[in-house]
Amino acid sequence: LSRFFLQLVAIATVLIAGGQFALAQATSDIPLVIRNNGTGVNAGQDTLRFGVNPAGTNGKDAALGEIEQPPAPPSAVFDIRWINVGTSNNFGEGVKKNYRASTSPTQRDTFRIKFQAGTGGFPVNVSWPNLTSYFGTAELRYFDNNLGANVSVNMNSVTSASITDDQVTTL
């Protein structure tokens, strides 16, 4: 996801479950754009891609462009990447693309994102296209320390979220 410390690492969990897309279409390539609040040299923005592909697995699929990233840069630099979910993945330092195979109309997948807001800081904004034609449910979740509560954003009813808590460690 900076102001009071040098590095903030957050894990974004995007939960995708069932829905129209799972078996109706063979592939999807959905952009998830994340940007910090910086301007000029402090501006940070990058796009992660995810979706469904018949050749996808829960691990790293080089043939689908799921390529290992180098170690995270210094904390002052904006950085985002998909990381392991549990122990079954082999992402290592992370990837910029993450595709899964469609196995069932009730399939549920969890994707995680690690990010550094860099010196651009918060709010960190996350945006995506309308997902209603792809998934029955999709949510972006994180814990907001200022609210002392879990936040769940319905990704089928809105196309963006703004994370203002600069202490966020889990999305």
N, C-alpha and C. Protein backbone atom coordinates (compact mmCIF):
# COMPACT_ATOMS: atom_id res chain seq x y z
N LEU A 1 0.80 -0.56 0.00
CA LEU A 1 0.00 0.00 0.00
C LEU A 1 0.85 0.60 0.00
N SER A 2 5.89 4.76 4.49
CA SER A 2 5.36 5.71 3.75
C SER A 2 5.35 6.91 4.56
N ARG A 3 4.39 7.27 5.33
CA ARG A 3 4.53 8.55 5.97
C ARG A 3 5.45 8.47 7.17
N PHE A 4 5.24 7.53 8.07
CA PHE A 4 5.99 7.47 9.30
C PHE A 4 7.05 6.38 9.31
N PHE A 5 7.20 5.66 8.24
CA PHE A 5 8.19 4.61 8.17
C PHE A 5 8.63 4.42 6.74
N LEU A 6 9.72 3.69 6.55
CA LEU A 6 10.31 3.58 5.22
C LEU A 6 9.63 2.57 4.33
N GLN A 7 9.12 1.49 4.89
CA GLN A 7 8.56 0.46 4.04
C GLN A 7 7.22 0.02 4.54
N LEU A 8 6.27 -0.11 3.63
CA LEU A 8 4.97 -0.66 3.96
C LEU A 8 4.69 -1.77 2.97
N VAL A 9 4.43 -2.92 3.51
CA VAL A 9 4.12 -4.05 2.67
C VAL A 9 2.68 -4.44 2.95
N ALA A 10 1.95 -4.62 1.93
CA ALA A 10 0.56 -5.01 2.12
C ALA A 10 0.25 -6.22 1.26
N ILE A 11 -0.65 -6.97 1.71
CA ILE A 11 -1.11 -8.14 0.98
C ILE A 11 -2.56 -7.87 0.60
N ALA A 12 -2.81 -7.87 -0.68
CA ALA A 12 -4.19 -7.69 -1.12
C ALA A 12 -4.75 -9.05 -1.45
N THR A 13 -5.86 -9.32 -0.94
CA THR A 13 -6.49 -10.58 -1.24
C THR A 13 -7.71 -10.30 -2.11
N VAL A 14 -7.68 -10.82 -3.28
CA VAL A 14 -8.80 -10.70 -4.18
C VAL A 14 -9.43 -12.08 -4.26
N LEU A 15 -10.64 -12.17 -3.81
CA LEU A 15 -11.33 -13.45 -3.82
C LEU A 15 -12.28 -13.48 -5.00
N ILE A 16 -12.17 -14.49 -5.79
CA ILE A 16 -13.02 -14.65 -6.96
C ILE A 16 -13.75 -15.97 -6.80
N ALA A 17 -15.05 -15.95 -6.93
CA ALA A 17 -15.81 -17.18 -6.75
C ALA A 17 -16.85 -17.35 -7.85
N GLY A 18 -16.95 -18.57 -8.33
CA GLY A 18 -18.01 -19.02 -9.23
C GLY A 18 -18.38 -18.03 -10.32
N GLY A 19 -19.61 -18.15 -10.80
CA GLY A 19 -20.16 -17.15 -11.66
C GLY A 19 -20.21 -17.50 -13.12
N GLN A 20 -20.67 -16.49 -13.86
CA GLN A 20 -20.92 -16.69 -15.28
C GLN A 20 -19.65 -17.05 -16.02
N PHE A 21 -18.52 -16.55 -15.61
CA PHE A 21 -17.32 -16.69 -16.42
C PHE A 21 -16.69 -18.06 -16.34
N ALA A 22 -16.74 -18.68 -15.19
CA ALA A 22 -15.93 -19.87 -14.91
C ALA A 22 -15.93 -20.87 -16.05
N LEU A 23 -17.07 -21.22 -16.59
CA LEU A 23 -17.09 -22.19 -17.68
C LEU A 23 -17.59 -21.60 -19.00
N ALA A 24 -18.12 -20.39 -18.95
CA ALA A 24 -18.72 -19.80 -20.15
C ALA A 24 -17.67 -19.33 -21.15
N GLN A 25 -16.52 -18.91 -20.68
CA GLN A 25 -15.48 -18.41 -21.56
C GLN A 25 -14.18 -19.13 -21.25
N ALA A 26 -13.31 -19.23 -22.24
CA ALA A 26 -12.08 -19.99 -22.05
C ALA A 26 -10.97 -19.16 -21.38
N THR A 27 -10.95 -17.86 -21.62
CA THR A 27 -9.86 -17.05 -21.05
C THR A 27 -10.37 -15.68 -20.66
N SER A 28 -9.65 -15.06 -19.74
CA SER A 28 -9.86 -13.65 -19.42
C SER A 28 -8.52 -13.06 -19.03
N ASP A 29 -8.36 -11.80 -19.27
CA ASP A 29 -7.12 -11.09 -18.93
C ASP A 29 -7.55 -9.75 -18.35
N ILE A 30 -7.64 -9.68 -17.04
CA ILE A 30 -8.22 -8.53 -16.35
C ILE A 30 -7.12 -7.67 -15.74
N PRO A 31 -7.11 -6.36 -16.06
CA PRO A 31 -6.11 -5.47 -15.46
C PRO A 31 -6.56 -5.00 -14.07
N LEU A 32 -5.62 -4.97 -13.15
CA LEU A 32 -5.83 -4.41 -11.82
C LEU A 32 -4.77 -3.32 -11.68
N VAL A 33 -5.21 -2.06 -11.71
CA VAL A 33 -4.29 -0.92 -11.69
C VAL A 33 -4.17 -0.40 -10.26
N ILE A 34 -2.94 -0.25 -9.80
CA ILE A 34 -2.68 0.25 -8.45
C ILE A 34 -1.75 1.45 -8.56
N ARG A 35 -2.13 2.55 -7.87
CA ARG A 35 -1.30 3.76 -7.92
C ARG A 35 -1.26 4.42 -6.54
N ASN A 36 -0.13 5.05 -6.27
CA ASN A 36 0.00 5.76 -5.01
C ASN A 36 -0.44 7.21 -5.19
N ASN A 37 -0.24 8.03 -4.17
CA ASN A 37 -0.69 9.41 -4.19
C ASN A 37 0.39 10.38 -4.66
N GLY A 38 1.49 9.86 -5.14
CA GLY A 38 2.61 10.72 -5.49
C GLY A 38 2.42 11.50 -6.77
N THR A 39 3.27 12.52 -6.92
CA THR A 39 3.33 13.29 -8.16
C THR A 39 4.78 13.35 -8.59
N GLY A 40 5.01 13.67 -9.83
CA GLY A 40 6.38 13.77 -10.34
C GLY A 40 7.14 12.47 -10.14
N VAL A 41 8.35 12.55 -9.62
CA VAL A 41 9.18 11.35 -9.44
C VAL A 41 8.64 10.44 -8.35
N ASN A 42 7.72 10.93 -7.52
CA ASN A 42 7.14 10.11 -6.46
C ASN A 42 5.88 9.38 -6.90
N ALA A 43 5.42 9.63 -8.14
CA ALA A 43 4.22 8.96 -8.63
C ALA A 43 4.53 7.50 -8.92
N GLY A 44 3.66 6.64 -8.45
CA GLY A 44 3.81 5.22 -8.73
C GLY A 44 2.52 4.64 -9.25
N GLN A 45 2.60 3.92 -10.36
CA GLN A 45 1.44 3.23 -10.92
C GLN A 45 1.93 2.02 -11.68
N ASP A 46 1.22 0.92 -11.52
CA ASP A 46 1.56 -0.29 -12.26
C ASP A 46 0.29 -1.11 -12.42
N THR A 47 0.30 -2.02 -13.34
CA THR A 47 -0.85 -2.88 -13.61
C THR A 47 -0.48 -4.32 -13.43
N LEU A 48 -1.25 -5.01 -12.62
CA LEU A 48 -1.16 -6.46 -12.50
C LEU A 48 -2.28 -7.04 -13.35
N ARG A 49 -2.06 -8.21 -13.91
CA ARG A 49 -3.09 -8.85 -14.73
C ARG A 49 -3.44 -10.19 -14.11
N PHE A 50 -4.73 -10.55 -14.14
CA PHE A 50 -5.17 -11.83 -13.62
C PHE A 50 -6.37 -12.30 -14.40
N GLY A 51 -6.74 -13.55 -14.19
CA GLY A 51 -7.91 -14.07 -14.86
C GLY A 51 -7.89 -15.58 -14.98
N VAL A 52 -8.58 -16.05 -15.99
CA VAL A 52 -8.75 -17.48 -16.23
C VAL A 52 -8.12 -17.84 -17.56
N ASN A 53 -7.41 -18.96 -17.57
CA ASN A 53 -6.81 -19.47 -18.79
C ASN A 53 -6.77 -20.98 -18.68
N PRO A 54 -7.18 -21.72 -19.71
CA PRO A 54 -7.19 -23.18 -19.61
C PRO A 54 -5.84 -23.78 -19.26
N ALA A 55 -4.75 -23.08 -19.60
CA ALA A 55 -3.41 -23.60 -19.31
C ALA A 55 -2.89 -23.16 -17.94
N GLY A 56 -3.70 -22.37 -17.21
CA GLY A 56 -3.26 -21.84 -15.94
C GLY A 56 -3.24 -22.88 -14.83
N THR A 57 -2.36 -22.65 -13.86
CA THR A 57 -2.29 -23.49 -12.66
C THR A 57 -2.28 -22.55 -11.45
N ASN A 58 -2.19 -23.12 -10.26
CA ASN A 58 -2.05 -22.29 -9.06
C ASN A 58 -0.62 -21.85 -8.85
N GLY A 59 0.28 -22.30 -9.69
CA GLY A 59 1.69 -21.93 -9.59
C GLY A 59 2.08 -20.98 -10.69
N LYS A 60 3.36 -20.84 -10.90
CA LYS A 60 3.91 -19.94 -11.92
C LYS A 60 3.89 -20.63 -13.26
N ASP A 61 3.26 -19.99 -14.24
CA ASP A 61 3.14 -20.53 -15.60
C ASP A 61 3.89 -19.60 -16.56
N ALA A 62 5.14 -19.90 -16.82
CA ALA A 62 5.97 -19.05 -17.67
C ALA A 62 5.36 -18.86 -19.05
N ALA A 63 4.71 -19.89 -19.58
CA ALA A 63 4.11 -19.81 -20.91
C ALA A 63 2.99 -18.75 -20.97
N LEU A 64 2.42 -18.40 -19.82
CA LEU A 64 1.36 -17.39 -19.76
C LEU A 64 1.90 -16.02 -19.34
N GLY A 65 3.21 -15.88 -19.27
CA GLY A 65 3.82 -14.61 -18.90
C GLY A 65 3.96 -14.41 -17.41
N GLU A 66 3.75 -15.47 -16.62
CA GLU A 66 3.92 -15.39 -15.17
C GLU A 66 5.41 -15.56 -14.87
N ILE A 67 6.13 -14.47 -14.96
CA ILE A 67 7.59 -14.49 -14.87
C ILE A 67 8.03 -13.95 -13.52
N GLU A 68 8.97 -14.66 -12.90
CA GLU A 68 9.51 -14.28 -11.60
C GLU A 68 10.08 -12.87 -11.64
N GLN A 69 9.74 -12.07 -10.64
CA GLN A 69 10.25 -10.71 -10.51
C GLN A 69 11.55 -10.71 -9.69
N PRO A 70 12.36 -9.70 -9.87
CA PRO A 70 13.56 -9.59 -9.03
C PRO A 70 13.13 -9.26 -7.60
N PRO A 71 14.05 -9.33 -6.65
CA PRO A 71 13.69 -8.94 -5.28
C PRO A 71 13.09 -7.53 -5.24
N ALA A 72 12.24 -7.28 -4.24
CA ALA A 72 11.60 -5.98 -4.12
C ALA A 72 12.65 -4.87 -4.03
N PRO A 73 12.37 -3.72 -4.64
CA PRO A 73 13.31 -2.60 -4.58
C PRO A 73 13.30 -1.97 -3.18
N PRO A 74 14.16 -0.98 -2.95
CA PRO A 74 14.13 -0.28 -1.66
C PRO A 74 12.73 0.26 -1.36
N SER A 75 12.40 0.42 -0.10
CA SER A 75 11.05 0.77 0.33
C SER A 75 10.56 2.11 -0.20
N ALA A 76 11.43 3.01 -0.58
CA ALA A 76 11.01 4.31 -1.11
C ALA A 76 10.46 4.19 -2.52
N VAL A 77 10.61 3.04 -3.15
CA VAL A 77 10.18 2.82 -4.53
C VAL A 77 8.83 2.11 -4.53
N PHE A 78 7.91 2.60 -5.35
CA PHE A 78 6.60 1.97 -5.52
C PHE A 78 6.80 0.60 -6.16
N ASP A 79 6.09 -0.42 -5.65
CA ASP A 79 6.23 -1.78 -6.20
C ASP A 79 4.98 -2.58 -5.89
N ILE A 80 4.50 -3.35 -6.87
CA ILE A 80 3.38 -4.27 -6.67
C ILE A 80 3.69 -5.58 -7.35
N ARG A 81 3.15 -6.68 -6.79
CA ARG A 81 3.32 -7.99 -7.41
C ARG A 81 2.38 -9.00 -6.76
N TRP A 82 1.97 -10.00 -7.57
CA TRP A 82 1.22 -11.13 -7.03
C TRP A 82 2.20 -11.99 -6.26
N ILE A 83 1.79 -12.50 -5.12
CA ILE A 83 2.64 -13.39 -4.34
C ILE A 83 1.90 -14.68 -4.04
N ASN A 84 2.60 -15.60 -3.40
CA ASN A 84 2.04 -16.92 -3.07
C ASN A 84 0.77 -16.83 -2.26
N VAL A 85 -0.11 -17.76 -2.52
CA VAL A 85 -1.29 -17.99 -1.70
C VAL A 85 -1.08 -19.36 -1.08
N GLY A 86 -0.86 -19.41 0.22
CA GLY A 86 -0.56 -20.69 0.86
C GLY A 86 0.82 -21.17 0.44
N THR A 87 1.00 -22.47 0.39
CA THR A 87 2.32 -23.02 0.06
C THR A 87 2.34 -23.73 -1.29
N SER A 88 1.21 -23.75 -2.00
CA SER A 88 1.16 -24.51 -3.25
C SER A 88 1.75 -23.76 -4.44
N ASN A 89 1.90 -22.45 -4.34
CA ASN A 89 2.43 -21.68 -5.47
C ASN A 89 3.95 -21.64 -5.44
N ASN A 90 4.53 -21.30 -6.55
CA ASN A 90 5.99 -21.21 -6.64
C ASN A 90 6.41 -19.84 -7.15
N PHE A 91 5.78 -18.78 -6.63
CA PHE A 91 6.03 -17.43 -7.14
C PHE A 91 7.36 -16.85 -6.66
N GLY A 92 7.90 -17.31 -5.56
CA GLY A 92 9.16 -16.75 -5.07
C GLY A 92 9.01 -15.29 -4.73
N GLU A 93 9.65 -14.41 -5.52
CA GLU A 93 9.59 -12.96 -5.28
C GLU A 93 8.30 -12.32 -5.79
N GLY A 94 7.53 -13.05 -6.58
CA GLY A 94 6.28 -12.53 -7.09
C GLY A 94 6.25 -12.45 -8.61
N VAL A 95 5.04 -12.25 -9.14
CA VAL A 95 4.83 -12.16 -10.59
C VAL A 95 3.90 -10.98 -10.88
N LYS A 96 3.87 -10.55 -12.13
CA LYS A 96 2.99 -9.45 -12.54
C LYS A 96 1.70 -9.95 -13.18
N LYS A 97 1.66 -11.23 -13.58
CA LYS A 97 0.47 -11.84 -14.15
C LYS A 97 0.15 -13.10 -13.37
N ASN A 98 -1.15 -13.39 -13.17
CA ASN A 98 -1.56 -14.56 -12.41
C ASN A 98 -2.87 -15.09 -12.99
N TYR A 99 -2.78 -16.23 -13.67
CA TYR A 99 -3.94 -16.83 -14.31
C TYR A 99 -4.20 -18.21 -13.70
N ARG A 100 -5.46 -18.58 -13.61
CA ARG A 100 -5.87 -19.89 -13.08
C ARG A 100 -6.73 -20.60 -14.12
N ALA A 101 -6.74 -21.92 -14.05
CA ALA A 101 -7.62 -22.70 -14.92
C ALA A 101 -9.03 -22.67 -14.35
N SER A 102 -10.01 -22.77 -15.22
CA SER A 102 -11.41 -22.86 -14.80
C SER A 102 -11.76 -24.33 -14.65
N THR A 103 -12.18 -24.72 -13.45
CA THR A 103 -12.48 -26.13 -13.20
C THR A 103 -13.93 -26.39 -12.82
N SER A 104 -14.67 -25.36 -12.43
CA SER A 104 -16.03 -25.54 -11.95
C SER A 104 -16.76 -24.21 -11.91
N PRO A 105 -18.09 -24.21 -12.09
CA PRO A 105 -18.83 -22.95 -11.98
C PRO A 105 -18.86 -22.41 -10.55
N THR A 106 -18.50 -23.22 -9.58
CA THR A 106 -18.46 -22.76 -8.19
C THR A 106 -17.02 -22.59 -7.68
N GLN A 107 -16.10 -22.57 -8.59
CA GLN A 107 -14.67 -22.41 -8.24
C GLN A 107 -14.45 -21.13 -7.45
N ARG A 108 -13.56 -21.20 -6.47
CA ARG A 108 -13.18 -20.02 -5.68
C ARG A 108 -11.67 -19.93 -5.65
N ASP A 109 -11.14 -18.80 -6.09
CA ASP A 109 -9.70 -18.58 -6.12
C ASP A 109 -9.34 -17.38 -5.25
N THR A 110 -8.19 -17.44 -4.63
CA THR A 110 -7.67 -16.32 -3.85
C THR A 110 -6.37 -15.86 -4.49
N PHE A 111 -6.26 -14.57 -4.71
CA PHE A 111 -5.07 -13.96 -5.26
C PHE A 111 -4.54 -12.99 -4.21
N ARG A 112 -3.24 -12.91 -4.04
CA ARG A 112 -2.66 -11.97 -3.07
C ARG A 112 -1.67 -11.05 -3.75
N ILE A 113 -1.67 -9.80 -3.26
CA ILE A 113 -0.78 -8.79 -3.79
C ILE A 113 0.07 -8.21 -2.67
N LYS A 114 1.34 -8.09 -2.92
CA LYS A 114 2.26 -7.40 -2.01
C LYS A 114 2.59 -6.08 -2.68
N PHE A 115 2.54 -4.99 -1.91
CA PHE A 115 2.92 -3.72 -2.51
C PHE A 115 3.61 -2.80 -1.52
N GLN A 116 4.34 -1.86 -2.06
CA GLN A 116 4.98 -0.78 -1.33
C GLN A 116 4.44 0.51 -1.92
N ALA A 117 3.95 1.39 -1.09
CA ALA A 117 3.43 2.67 -1.58
C ALA A 117 4.55 3.59 -2.03
N GLY A 118 5.76 3.34 -1.55
CA GLY A 118 6.89 4.20 -1.90
C GLY A 118 6.75 5.58 -1.29
N THR A 119 7.57 6.50 -1.71
CA THR A 119 7.52 7.84 -1.14
C THR A 119 6.30 8.62 -1.58
N GLY A 120 5.58 8.12 -2.59
CA GLY A 120 4.34 8.76 -3.01
C GLY A 120 3.24 8.64 -1.98
N GLY A 121 3.30 7.60 -1.16
CA GLY A 121 2.39 7.46 -0.04
C GLY A 121 0.94 7.18 -0.38
N PHE A 122 0.10 7.49 0.58
CA PHE A 122 -1.33 7.18 0.53
C PHE A 122 -2.14 8.43 0.24
N PRO A 123 -3.36 8.28 -0.28
CA PRO A 123 -4.04 7.01 -0.47
C PRO A 123 -3.46 6.22 -1.63
N VAL A 124 -3.62 4.91 -1.54
CA VAL A 124 -3.29 4.01 -2.63
C VAL A 124 -4.62 3.64 -3.27
N ASN A 125 -4.70 3.84 -4.57
CA ASN A 125 -5.95 3.58 -5.29
C ASN A 125 -5.81 2.33 -6.14
N VAL A 126 -6.84 1.50 -6.09
CA VAL A 126 -6.89 0.26 -6.84
C VAL A 126 -8.11 0.35 -7.76
N SER A 127 -7.93 0.04 -9.05
CA SER A 127 -9.07 0.08 -9.98
C SER A 127 -9.04 -1.13 -10.91
N TRP A 128 -10.22 -1.49 -11.41
CA TRP A 128 -10.39 -2.65 -12.25
C TRP A 128 -11.60 -2.41 -13.15
N PRO A 129 -11.74 -3.18 -14.23
CA PRO A 129 -12.93 -3.03 -15.08
C PRO A 129 -14.14 -3.66 -14.40
N ASN A 130 -15.31 -3.43 -14.96
CA ASN A 130 -16.53 -4.06 -14.45
C ASN A 130 -16.37 -5.58 -14.55
N LEU A 131 -16.54 -6.27 -13.43
CA LEU A 131 -16.30 -7.72 -13.39
C LEU A 131 -17.57 -8.56 -13.43
N THR A 132 -18.75 -7.95 -13.56
CA THR A 132 -19.99 -8.73 -13.47
C THR A 132 -20.11 -9.77 -14.58
N SER A 133 -19.52 -9.53 -15.74
CA SER A 133 -19.61 -10.51 -16.82
C SER A 133 -18.60 -11.65 -16.65
N TYR A 134 -17.67 -11.49 -15.71
CA TYR A 134 -16.64 -12.50 -15.50
C TYR A 134 -16.92 -13.41 -14.31
N PHE A 135 -17.35 -12.82 -13.19
CA PHE A 135 -17.41 -13.57 -11.95
C PHE A 135 -18.74 -13.38 -11.23
N GLY A 136 -19.19 -14.43 -10.57
CA GLY A 136 -20.39 -14.34 -9.75
C GLY A 136 -20.15 -13.44 -8.56
N THR A 137 -19.02 -13.59 -7.91
CA THR A 137 -18.63 -12.70 -6.81
C THR A 137 -17.15 -12.41 -6.93
N ALA A 138 -16.79 -11.23 -6.49
CA ALA A 138 -15.38 -10.83 -6.45
C ALA A 138 -15.28 -9.76 -5.38
N GLU A 139 -14.31 -9.91 -4.49
CA GLU A 139 -14.15 -8.90 -3.46
C GLU A 139 -12.68 -8.63 -3.17
N LEU A 140 -12.43 -7.38 -2.82
CA LEU A 140 -11.11 -6.93 -2.40
C LEU A 140 -11.21 -6.74 -0.89
N ARG A 141 -10.33 -7.40 -0.13
CA ARG A 141 -10.42 -7.33 1.33
C ARG A 141 -9.11 -6.86 1.95
N TYR A 142 -9.24 -6.09 3.02
CA TYR A 142 -8.07 -5.68 3.80
C TYR A 142 -8.52 -5.27 5.18
N PHE A 143 -7.56 -5.18 6.10
CA PHE A 143 -7.85 -4.73 7.46
C PHE A 143 -7.42 -3.28 7.61
N ASP A 144 -8.36 -2.42 8.01
CA ASP A 144 -8.09 -1.01 8.20
C ASP A 144 -7.84 -0.75 9.68
N ASN A 145 -6.60 -0.43 10.03
CA ASN A 145 -6.23 -0.19 11.43
C ASN A 145 -6.93 1.02 12.02
N ASN A 146 -7.16 2.06 11.21
CA ASN A 146 -7.84 3.26 11.71
C ASN A 146 -9.27 2.95 12.12
N LEU A 147 -9.94 2.12 11.34
CA LEU A 147 -11.31 1.72 11.67
C LEU A 147 -11.34 0.57 12.67
N GLY A 148 -10.24 -0.15 12.75
CA GLY A 148 -10.21 -1.34 13.60
C GLY A 148 -11.15 -2.40 13.07
N ALA A 149 -11.26 -2.48 11.75
CA ALA A 149 -12.23 -3.40 11.16
C ALA A 149 -11.74 -3.92 9.81
N ASN A 150 -12.31 -5.06 9.43
CA ASN A 150 -12.07 -5.60 8.09
C ASN A 150 -12.89 -4.80 7.09
N VAL A 151 -12.32 -4.54 5.94
CA VAL A 151 -13.01 -3.85 4.86
C VAL A 151 -13.15 -4.84 3.71
N SER A 152 -14.35 -4.93 3.17
CA SER A 152 -14.61 -5.79 2.02
C SER A 152 -15.28 -4.95 0.94
N VAL A 153 -14.64 -4.86 -0.21
CA VAL A 153 -15.15 -4.07 -1.32
C VAL A 153 -15.70 -5.03 -2.36
N ASN A 154 -16.97 -4.89 -2.70
CA ASN A 154 -17.61 -5.73 -3.71
C ASN A 154 -17.12 -5.26 -5.09
N MET A 155 -16.26 -6.05 -5.71
CA MET A 155 -15.67 -5.68 -6.98
C MET A 155 -16.64 -5.81 -8.15
N ASN A 156 -17.83 -6.38 -7.91
CA ASN A 156 -18.84 -6.44 -8.96
C ASN A 156 -19.74 -5.21 -8.96
N SER A 157 -19.78 -4.45 -7.87
CA SER A 157 -20.66 -3.29 -7.83
C SER A 157 -19.91 -1.97 -7.98
N VAL A 158 -18.59 -1.97 -7.74
CA VAL A 158 -17.77 -0.77 -7.95
C VAL A 158 -16.52 -1.17 -8.73
N THR A 159 -15.83 -0.19 -9.27
CA THR A 159 -14.63 -0.49 -10.06
C THR A 159 -13.37 0.15 -9.50
N SER A 160 -13.42 0.59 -8.24
CA SER A 160 -12.21 1.13 -7.62
C SER A 160 -12.36 1.17 -6.11
N ALA A 161 -11.21 1.27 -5.45
CA ALA A 161 -11.18 1.41 -4.00
C ALA A 161 -9.99 2.29 -3.65
N SER A 162 -10.13 3.06 -2.59
CA SER A 162 -9.06 3.92 -2.12
C SER A 162 -8.68 3.49 -0.71
N ILE A 163 -7.42 3.18 -0.52
CA ILE A 163 -6.91 2.74 0.77
C ILE A 163 -6.20 3.92 1.40
N THR A 164 -6.74 4.43 2.49
CA THR A 164 -6.20 5.64 3.12
C THR A 164 -5.36 5.35 4.35
N ASP A 165 -5.50 4.17 4.94
CA ASP A 165 -4.78 3.82 6.15
C ASP A 165 -3.34 3.48 5.80
N ASP A 166 -2.39 4.34 6.20
CA ASP A 166 -0.99 4.11 5.84
C ASP A 166 -0.34 3.03 6.70
N GLN A 167 -1.11 2.38 7.56
CA GLN A 167 -0.62 1.26 8.34
C GLN A 167 -1.15 -0.08 7.80
N VAL A 168 -1.84 -0.06 6.69
CA VAL A 168 -2.41 -1.28 6.15
C VAL A 168 -1.32 -2.31 5.92
N THR A 169 -1.56 -3.52 6.37
CA THR A 169 -0.62 -4.61 6.13
C THR A 169 -1.27 -5.76 5.38
N THR A 170 -2.57 -5.78 5.32
CA THR A 170 -3.27 -6.86 4.64
C THR A 170 -4.46 -6.31 3.87
N LEU A 171 -4.52 -6.62 2.59
CA LEU A 171 -5.71 -6.28 1.79
C LEU A 171 -6.50 -7.55 1.58
